[in-house]
PDB file of N, CA and C in Angstrom:
ATOM      1  N   MET A   1       0.652  -0.786   0.299  1.00  0.00           N
ATOM      2  CA  MET A   1      -0.177   0.189  -0.225  1.00  0.00           C
ATOM      3  C   MET A   1       0.782   1.485   0.003  1.00  0.00           C
ATOM      4  N   THR A   2       0.866   2.651  -0.847  1.00  0.00           N
ATOM      5  CA  THR A   2       1.004   3.655  -0.991  1.00  0.00           C
ATOM      6  C   THR A   2       0.292   4.879  -0.271  1.00  0.00           C
ATOM      7  N   THR A   3       1.767   5.632   0.549  1.00  0.00           N
ATOM      8  CA  THR A   3       0.734   6.414   0.873  1.00  0.00           C
ATOM      9  C   THR A   3       0.759   7.734   0.629  1.00  0.00           C
ATOM     10  N   MET A   4       0.097   8.525   0.727  1.00  0.00           N
ATOM     11  CA  MET A   4       0.827  10.035  -0.096  1.00  0.00           C
ATOM     12  C   MET A   4       1.905  10.852   1.441  1.00  0.00           C
ATOM     13  N   PRO A   5       2.685  11.275   0.589  1.00  0.00           N
ATOM     14  CA  PRO A   5       2.970  12.095   1.861  1.00  0.00           C
ATOM     15  C   PRO A   5       2.388  13.882   1.924  1.00  0.00           C
ATOM     16  N   ALA A   6       2.543  13.751   3.436  1.00  0.00           N
ATOM     17  CA  ALA A   6       1.566  15.314   3.751  1.00  0.00           C
ATOM     18  C   ALA A   6       1.785  16.274   3.003  1.00  0.00           C
ATOM     19  N   PRO A   7       1.305  16.924   2.927  1.00  0.00           N
ATOM     20  CA  PRO A   7       1.183  17.885   2.013  1.00  0.00           C
ATOM     21  C   PRO A   7       2.346  19.533   2.760  1.00  0.00           C
ATOM     22  N   THR A   8       2.748  19.493   3.705  1.00  0.00           N
ATOM     23  CA  THR A   8       3.745  20.299   4.746  1.00  0.00           C
ATOM     24  C   THR A   8       4.920  19.384   3.944  1.00  0.00           C
ATOM     25  N   ASP A   9       5.375  18.168   3.506  1.00  0.00           N
ATOM     26  CA  ASP A   9       6.421  17.715   3.602  1.00  0.00           C
ATOM     27  C   ASP A   9       7.753  18.046   3.054  1.00  0.00           C
ATOM     28  N   PRO A  10       8.620  18.467   3.501  1.00  0.00           N
ATOM     29  CA  PRO A  10       9.743  19.359   2.684  1.00  0.00           C
ATOM     30  C   PRO A  10       9.822  18.719   1.200  1.00  0.00           C
ATOM     31  N   GLY A  11      10.453  19.151  -0.005  1.00  0.00           N
ATOM     32  CA  GLY A  11      10.266  18.809  -1.281  1.00  0.00           C
ATOM     33  C   GLY A  11       9.473  18.130  -1.979  1.00  0.00           C
ATOM     34  N   THR A  12       7.978  17.727  -1.618  1.00  0.00           N
ATOM     35  CA  THR A  12       6.500  18.567  -2.425  1.00  0.00           C
ATOM     36  C   THR A  12       6.477  19.275  -3.261  1.00  0.00           C
ATOM     37  N   GLU A  13       5.924  18.477  -4.484  1.00  0.00           N
ATOM     38  CA  GLU A  13       5.648  19.085  -5.528  1.00  0.00           C
ATOM     39  C   GLU A  13       4.363  19.571  -5.897  1.00  0.00           C
ATOM     40  N   LYS A  14       4.100  20.820  -5.560  1.00  0.00           N
ATOM     41  CA  LYS A  14       2.561  21.574  -6.274  1.00  0.00           C
ATOM     42  C   LYS A  14       2.245  20.807  -7.053  1.00  0.00           C
ATOM     43  N   LEU A  15       0.962  20.258  -6.758  1.00  0.00           N
ATOM     44  CA  LEU A  15       0.861  19.826  -7.696  1.00  0.00           C
ATOM     45  C   LEU A  15      -0.484  20.855  -8.477  1.00  0.00           C
ATOM     46  N   ILE A  16      -1.235  21.052  -9.799  1.00  0.00           N
ATOM     47  CA  ILE A  16      -1.787  21.693 -10.300  1.00  0.00           C
ATOM     48  C   ILE A  16      -3.356  21.121 -10.938  1.00  0.00           C
ATOM     49  N   ALA A  17      -4.310  21.586 -10.185  1.00  0.00           N
ATOM     50  CA  ALA A  17      -5.906  20.945 -10.261  1.00  0.00           C
ATOM     51  C   ALA A  17      -6.967  21.584 -11.609  1.00  0.00           C
ATOM     52  N   LEU A  18      -7.165  21.556 -11.950  1.00  0.00           N
ATOM     53  CA  LEU A  18      -8.812  22.366 -12.749  1.00  0.00           C
ATOM     54  C   LEU A  18     -10.274  21.695 -11.701  1.00  0.00           C
ATOM     55  N   VAL A  19     -11.208  22.248 -11.502  1.00  0.00           N
ATOM     56  CA  VAL A  19     -12.412  21.429 -10.987  1.00  0.00           C
ATOM     57  C   VAL A  19     -13.092  22.621 -11.916  1.00  0.00           C
ATOM     58  N   THR A  20     -13.784  21.386 -12.685  1.00  0.00           N
ATOM     59  CA  THR A  20     -15.209  22.516 -13.367  1.00  0.00           C
ATOM     60  C   THR A  20     -16.485  22.148 -12.196  1.00  0.00           C
ATOM     61  N   ASN A  21     -17.699  23.000 -12.477  1.00  0.00           N
ATOM     62  CA  ASN A  21     -18.122  23.540 -11.549  1.00  0.00           C
ATOM     63  C   ASN A  21     -18.202  23.297 -10.304  1.00  0.00           C
ATOM     64  N   GLY A  22     -17.075  24.055 -10.027  1.00  0.00           N
ATOM     65  CA  GLY A  22     -16.520  24.376  -8.495  1.00  0.00           C
ATOM     66  C   GLY A  22     -17.965  24.247  -7.510  1.00  0.00           C
ATOM     67  N   SER A  23     -18.986  24.846  -7.337  1.00  0.00           N
ATOM     68  CA  SER A  23     -19.494  25.387  -6.922  1.00  0.00           C
ATOM     69  C   SER A  23     -20.828  24.430  -6.476  1.00  0.00           C
ATOM     70  N   GLN A  24     -20.410  23.232  -7.074  1.00  0.00           N
ATOM     71  CA  GLN A  24     -22.030  22.617  -7.200  1.00  0.00           C
ATOM     72  C   GLN A  24     -21.402  21.242  -7.609  1.00  0.00           C
ATOM     73  N   PHE A  25     -22.469  20.531  -7.357  1.00  0.00           N
ATOM     74  CA  PHE A  25     -22.016  18.763  -8.073  1.00  0.00           C
ATOM     75  C   PHE A  25     -21.369  18.496  -6.820  1.00  0.00           C
ATOM     76  N   ALA A  26     -20.023  18.164  -7.373  1.00  0.00           N
ATOM     77  CA  ALA A  26     -19.209  17.269  -6.939  1.00  0.00           C
ATOM     78  C   ALA A  26     -18.332  18.557  -6.566  1.00  0.00           C
ATOM     79  N   GLY A  27     -17.869  19.502  -6.612  1.00  0.00           N
ATOM     80  CA  GLY A  27     -16.823  19.987  -7.178  1.00  0.00           C
ATOM     81  C   GLY A  27     -16.653  21.444  -5.807  1.00  0.00           C
ATOM     82  N   PRO A  28     -17.589  21.905  -4.644  1.00  0.00           N
ATOM     83  CA  PRO A  28     -17.102  21.549  -3.470  1.00  0.00           C
ATOM     84  C   PRO A  28     -16.067  20.322  -2.868  1.00  0.00           C
ATOM     85  N   ALA A  29     -16.773  19.640  -3.210  1.00  0.00           N
ATOM     86  CA  ALA A  29     -15.878  18.098  -1.713  1.00  0.00           C
ATOM     87  C   ALA A  29     -14.356  18.107  -2.509  1.00  0.00           C
ATOM     88  N   ALA A  30     -14.173  18.227  -3.989  1.00  0.00           N
ATOM     89  CA  ALA A  30     -13.111  18.133  -4.455  1.00  0.00           C
ATOM     90  C   ALA A  30     -12.570  18.880  -3.555  1.00  0.00           C
ATOM     91  N   LEU A  31     -12.680  20.011  -4.175  1.00  0.00           N
ATOM     92  CA  LEU A  31     -11.447  21.680  -3.612  1.00  0.00           C
ATOM     93  C   LEU A  31     -11.082  21.680  -2.246  1.00  0.00           C
ATOM     94  N   LEU A  32     -12.173  20.910  -1.469  1.00  0.00           N
ATOM     95  CA  LEU A  32     -11.400  20.343   0.034  1.00  0.00           C
ATOM     96  C   LEU A  32     -10.348  19.345  -0.207  1.00  0.00           C
ATOM     97  N   GLY A  33     -10.192  18.567  -0.585  1.00  0.00           N
ATOM     98  CA  GLY A  33      -9.368  17.374  -0.630  1.00  0.00           C
ATOM     99  C   GLY A  33      -8.328  17.871  -1.809  1.00  0.00           C
ATOM    100  N   LEU A  34      -8.530  19.289  -2.083  1.00  0.00           N
ATOM    101  CA  LEU A  34      -7.656  19.706  -3.433  1.00  0.00           C
ATOM    102  C   LEU A  34      -6.956  20.489  -2.518  1.00  0.00           C
ATOM    103  N   LYS A  35      -7.718  20.833  -1.372  1.00  0.00           N
ATOM    104  CA  LYS A  35      -6.926  22.172  -0.224  1.00  0.00           C
ATOM    105  C   LYS A  35      -5.891  21.399   0.078  1.00  0.00           C
ATOM    106  N   TYR A  36      -6.695  19.788   0.319  1.00  0.00           N
ATOM    107  CA  TYR A  36      -5.609  19.466   1.866  1.00  0.00           C
ATOM    108  C   TYR A  36      -4.073  19.237   1.198  1.00  0.00           C
ATOM    109  N   LEU A  37      -4.464  18.405  -0.619  1.00  0.00           N
ATOM    110  CA  LEU A  37      -3.276  18.358  -1.047  1.00  0.00           C
ATOM    111  C   LEU A  37      -2.298  19.620  -0.920  1.00  0.00           C
ATOM    112  N   ASN A  38      -3.334  20.320  -0.732  1.00  0.00           N
ATOM    113  CA  ASN A  38      -2.009  21.716  -1.590  1.00  0.00           C
ATOM    114  C   ASN A  38      -1.302  22.055  -2.371  1.00  0.00           C
ATOM    115  N   CYS A  39      -2.634  21.845  -3.215  1.00  0.00           N
ATOM    116  CA  CYS A  39      -2.460  21.656  -4.853  1.00  0.00           C
ATOM    117  C   CYS A  39      -2.935  23.011  -5.316  1.00  0.00           C
ATOM    118  N   GLN A  40      -2.034  23.661  -6.287  1.00  0.00           N
ATOM    119  CA  GLN A  40      -2.952  24.977  -7.203  1.00  0.00           C
ATOM    120  C   GLN A  40      -3.866  24.963  -7.881  1.00  0.00           C
ATOM    121  N   ILE A  41      -5.082  25.086  -7.888  1.00  0.00           N
ATOM    122  CA  ILE A  41      -6.178  24.842  -7.812  1.00  0.00           C
ATOM    123  C   ILE A  41      -7.215  26.021  -8.783  1.00  0.00           C
ATOM    124  N   TYR A  42      -7.663  25.417  -9.938  1.00  0.00           N
ATOM    125  CA  TYR A  42      -8.548  26.284 -10.732  1.00  0.00           C
ATOM    126  C   TYR A  42      -9.426  26.154 -11.059  1.00  0.00           C
ATOM    127  N   VAL A  43     -10.808  26.557 -11.427  1.00  0.00           N
ATOM    128  CA  VAL A  43     -11.941  26.429 -11.069  1.00  0.00           C
ATOM    129  C   VAL A  43     -12.519  27.546 -11.942  1.00  0.00           C
ATOM    130  N   HIS A  44     -13.796  26.756 -12.742  1.00  0.00           N
ATOM    131  CA  HIS A  44     -14.656  27.229 -14.050  1.00  0.00           C
ATOM    132  C   HIS A  44     -15.808  26.955 -12.807  1.00  0.00           C
ATOM    133  N   ASP A  45     -16.369  27.179 -13.263  1.00  0.00           N
ATOM    134  CA  ASP A  45     -17.789  27.741 -12.835  1.00  0.00           C
ATOM    135  C   ASP A  45     -19.186  28.423 -13.707  1.00  0.00           C
ATOM    136  N   PRO A  46     -20.041  27.730 -13.971  1.00  0.00           N
ATOM    137  CA  PRO A  46     -21.278  29.128 -15.057  1.00  0.00           C
ATOM    138  C   PRO A  46     -21.373  30.240 -14.318  1.00  0.00           C
ATOM    139  N   SER A  47     -21.895  30.471 -13.102  1.00  0.00           N
ATOM    140  CA  SER A  47     -21.921  31.305 -11.925  1.00  0.00           C
ATOM    141  C   SER A  47     -20.898  32.568 -12.403  1.00  0.00           C
ATOM    142  N   PHE A  48     -19.707  31.802 -12.879  1.00  0.00           N
ATOM    143  CA  PHE A  48     -18.367  32.971 -12.534  1.00  0.00           C
ATOM    144  C   PHE A  48     -18.324  33.850 -13.477  1.00  0.00           C
ATOM    145  N   SER A  49     -19.500  33.580 -14.920  1.00  0.00           N
ATOM    146  CA  SER A  49     -19.971  35.377 -15.742  1.00  0.00           C
ATOM    147  C   SER A  49     -20.334  36.198 -14.879  1.00  0.00           C
ATOM    148  N   ASP A  50     -20.610  35.894 -14.068  1.00  0.00           N
ATOM    149  CA  ASP A  50     -21.234  37.333 -12.886  1.00  0.00           C
ATOM    150  C   ASP A  50     -20.283  37.728 -12.543  1.00  0.00           C
ATOM    151  N   ASP A  51     -20.271  38.933 -12.292  1.00  0.00           N
ATOM    152  CA  ASP A  51     -18.594  39.393 -11.592  1.00  0.00           C
ATOM    153  C   ASP A  51     -18.698  39.559  -9.927  1.00  0.00           C
ATOM    154  N   ALA A  52     -19.988  39.256  -9.980  1.00  0.00           N
ATOM    155  CA  ALA A  52     -20.457  39.402  -8.045  1.00  0.00           C
ATOM    156  C   ALA A  52     -20.219  38.080  -7.523  1.00  0.00           C
ATOM    157  N   GLN A  53     -20.234  36.982  -8.002  1.00  0.00           N
ATOM    158  CA  GLN A  53     -20.886  36.167  -8.055  1.00  0.00           C
ATOM    159  C   GLN A  53     -19.407  35.073  -7.750  1.00  0.00           C
ATOM    160  N   ARG A  54     -17.940  35.954  -9.004  1.00  0.00           N
ATOM    161  CA  ARG A  54     -17.218  35.164  -9.125  1.00  0.00           C
ATOM    162  C   ARG A  54     -16.007  35.482  -8.460  1.00  0.00           C
ATOM    163  N   ASN A  55     -16.499  37.164  -7.643  1.00  0.00           N
ATOM    164  CA  ASN A  55     -15.296  37.772  -6.585  1.00  0.00           C
ATOM    165  C   ASN A  55     -15.912  37.125  -5.324  1.00  0.00           C
ATOM    166  N   ALA A  56     -17.281  36.523  -5.244  1.00  0.00           N
ATOM    167  CA  ALA A  56     -17.522  36.269  -3.711  1.00  0.00           C
ATOM    168  C   ALA A  56     -16.739  34.422  -3.537  1.00  0.00           C
ATOM    169  N   PHE A  57     -17.049  33.986  -4.522  1.00  0.00           N
ATOM    170  CA  PHE A  57     -17.033  33.024  -4.820  1.00  0.00           C
ATOM    171  C   PHE A  57     -14.506  32.374  -4.613  1.00  0.00           C
ATOM    172  N   GLU A  58     -14.579  33.514  -5.067  1.00  0.00           N
ATOM    173  CA  GLU A  58     -13.057  34.212  -5.262  1.00  0.00           C
ATOM    174  C   GLU A  58     -12.483  34.324  -3.141  1.00  0.00           C
ATOM    175  N   SER A  59     -12.935  35.078  -3.033  1.00  0.00           N
ATOM    176  CA  SER A  59     -13.435  35.688  -1.527  1.00  0.00           C
ATOM    177  C   SER A  59     -13.418  34.349  -0.484  1.00  0.00           C
ATOM    178  N   ALA A  60     -14.192  33.552  -1.005  1.00  0.00           N
ATOM    179  CA  ALA A  60     -15.049  32.680   0.338  1.00  0.00           C
ATOM    180  C   ALA A  60     -13.285  31.354   0.139  1.00  0.00           C
ATOM    181  N   HIS A  61     -13.036  31.360  -1.224  1.00  0.00           N
ATOM    182  CA  HIS A  61     -12.307  30.402  -0.956  1.00  0.00           C
ATOM    183  C   HIS A  61     -11.015  30.870  -1.092  1.00  0.00           C
ATOM    184  N   ASN A  62      -9.989  31.159  -1.121  1.00  0.00           N
ATOM    185  CA  ASN A  62      -8.502  31.664  -0.257  1.00  0.00           C
ATOM    186  C   ASN A  62      -7.617  30.902  -0.977  1.00  0.00           C
ATOM    187  N   GLY A  63      -6.699  31.838  -2.187  1.00  0.00           N
ATOM    188  CA  GLY A  63      -6.099  30.881  -2.876  1.00  0.00           C
ATOM    189  C   GLY A  63      -6.377  30.437  -3.939  1.00  0.00           C
ATOM    190  N   VAL A  64      -8.069  29.621  -4.511  1.00  0.00           N
ATOM    191  CA  VAL A  64      -7.915  29.252  -5.281  1.00  0.00           C
ATOM    192  C   VAL A  64      -8.516  30.244  -6.464  1.00  0.00           C
ATOM    193  N   ILE A  65      -7.982  29.534  -7.738  1.00  0.00           N
ATOM    194  CA  ILE A  65      -8.450  31.336  -8.720  1.00  0.00           C
ATOM    195  C   ILE A  65      -9.122  30.217  -9.914  1.00  0.00           C
ATOM    196  N   PRO A  66     -10.213  31.799 -10.035  1.00  0.00           N
ATOM    197  CA  PRO A  66     -11.208  31.310 -10.960  1.00  0.00           C
ATOM    198  C   PRO A  66     -10.267  31.364 -12.141  1.00  0.00           C
ATOM    199  N   ALA A  67     -11.248  30.386 -13.194  1.00  0.00           N
ATOM    200  CA  ALA A  67     -10.576  30.094 -14.431  1.00  0.00           C
ATOM    201  C   ALA A  67     -11.815  30.467 -15.764  1.00  0.00           C
ATOM    202  N   CYS A  68     -11.313  30.403 -16.656  1.00  0.00           N
ATOM    203  CA  CYS A  68     -11.861  31.107 -17.603  1.00  0.00           C
ATOM    204  C   CYS A  68     -14.010  30.895 -17.502  1.00  0.00           C
ATOM    205  N   THR A  69     -14.553  32.051 -17.345  1.00  0.00           N
ATOM    206  CA  THR A  69     -15.712  31.082 -17.215  1.00  0.00           C
ATOM    207  C   THR A  69     -16.609  30.462 -18.896  1.00  0.00           C
ATOM    208  N   THR A  70     -17.270  31.514 -19.379  1.00  0.00           N
ATOM    209  CA  THR A  70     -18.686  31.342 -20.333  1.00  0.00           C
ATOM    210  C   THR A  70     -17.807  31.476 -22.285  1.00  0.00           C
ATOM    211  N   ALA A  71     -16.847  32.128 -22.241  1.00  0.00           N
ATOM    212  CA  ALA A  71     -16.016  32.115 -23.839  1.00  0.00           C
ATOM    213  C   ALA A  71     -14.331  32.092 -23.170  1.00  0.00           C
ATOM    214  N   TRP A  72     -14.175  31.794 -24.620  1.00  0.00           N
ATOM    215  CA  TRP A  72     -12.599  32.095 -24.581  1.00  0.00           C
ATOM    216  C   TRP A  72     -12.467  33.744 -25.412  1.00  0.00           C
ATOM    217  N   ALA A  73     -11.613  34.164 -25.337  1.00  0.00           N
ATOM    218  CA  ALA A  73     -11.559  35.823 -25.823  1.00  0.00           C
ATOM    219  C   ALA A  73     -10.421  34.999 -26.806  1.00  0.00           C
ATOM    220  N   THR A  74     -10.928  34.109 -28.001  1.00  0.00           N
ATOM    221  CA  THR A  74     -10.162  33.910 -28.995  1.00  0.00           C
ATOM    222  C   THR A  74     -10.222  34.106 -30.401  1.00  0.00           C
ATOM    223  N   GLY A  75      -9.359  34.086 -30.936  1.00  0.00           N
ATOM    224  CA  GLY A  75      -9.859  33.905 -32.275  1.00  0.00           C
ATOM    225  C   GLY A  75      -9.373  35.143 -33.741  1.00  0.00           C
ATOM    226  N   PRO A  76     -10.541  35.280 -34.895  1.00  0.00           N
ATOM    227  CA  PRO A  76     -10.225  36.260 -35.562  1.00  0.00           C
ATOM    228  C   PRO A  76     -11.107  37.617 -34.320  1.00  0.00           C
ATOM    229  N   GLY A  77     -10.329  38.755 -34.703  1.00  0.00           N
ATOM    230  CA  GLY A  77     -10.408  39.910 -34.696  1.00  0.00           C
ATOM    231  C   GLY A  77     -10.183  40.259 -33.054  1.00  0.00           C
ATOM    232  N   THR A  78      -9.529  39.213 -32.193  1.00  0.00           N
ATOM    233  CA  THR A  78      -9.652  39.804 -31.007  1.00  0.00           C
ATOM    234  C   THR A  78      -8.464  39.754 -29.996  1.00  0.00           C
ATOM    235  N   GLY A  79      -7.381  39.596 -31.139  1.00  0.00           N
ATOM    236  CA  GLY A  79      -5.956  39.687 -30.682  1.00  0.00           C
ATOM    237  C   GLY A  79      -5.211  39.637 -29.763  1.00  0.00           C
ATOM    238  N   SER A  80      -6.232  38.494 -29.351  1.00  0.00           N
ATOM    239  CA  SER A  80      -5.115  37.435 -28.700  1.00  0.00           C
ATOM    240  C   SER A  80      -5.408  35.831 -28.411  1.00  0.00           C
ATOM    241  N   SER A  81      -4.608  35.091 -28.106  1.00  0.00           N
ATOM    242  CA  SER A  81      -4.686  33.581 -27.972  1.00  0.00           C
ATOM    243  C   SER A  81      -5.461  32.827 -26.976  1.00  0.00           C
ATOM    244  N   ALA A  82      -4.833  34.141 -26.058  1.00  0.00           N
ATOM    245  CA  ALA A  82      -5.170  33.406 -24.290  1.00  0.00           C
ATOM    246  C   ALA A  82      -6.892  33.788 -23.975  1.00  0.00           C
ATOM    247  N   PRO A  83      -6.785  33.141 -23.037  1.00  0.00           N
ATOM    248  CA  PRO A  83      -8.126  32.965 -22.444  1.00  0.00           C
ATOM    249  C   PRO A  83      -8.296  34.196 -21.714  1.00  0.00           C
ATOM    250  N   SER A  84      -9.140  34.778 -21.296  1.00  0.00           N
ATOM    251  CA  SER A  84      -9.780  36.091 -21.233  1.00  0.00           C
ATOM    252  C   SER A  84     -10.902  35.528 -19.487  1.00  0.00           C
ATOM    253  N   ARG A  85     -10.568  36.302 -18.725  1.00  0.00           N
ATOM    254  CA  ARG A  85     -11.708  35.430 -16.903  1.00  0.00           C
ATOM    255  C   ARG A  85     -12.759  35.472 -17.846  1.00  0.00           C
ATOM    256  N   ARG A  86     -13.740  36.207 -18.038  1.00  0.00           N
ATOM    257  CA  ARG A  86     -14.577  36.853 -18.875  1.00  0.00           C
ATOM    258  C   ARG A  86     -14.490  36.003 -19.901  1.00  0.00           C
TER     259      ARG A  86
END
């Protein structure tokens, strides 16, 4: 049986996680487990298209990064190849 190192063990690399539907379904439970494992967490949720809801989620979940919400700001005429927050 393998065991996971404690999140505070020296030399432990920080894992990156993406959680979809962060405020519903299995999202909240996933956030708890990933926070315990000291992961860098990016979260997508349909509610993030509303600035107030996204800001409230970000305030309530210290260190969690809200990811792109409803659309990618890419393609012809956008002048960008990077995702936007909105």
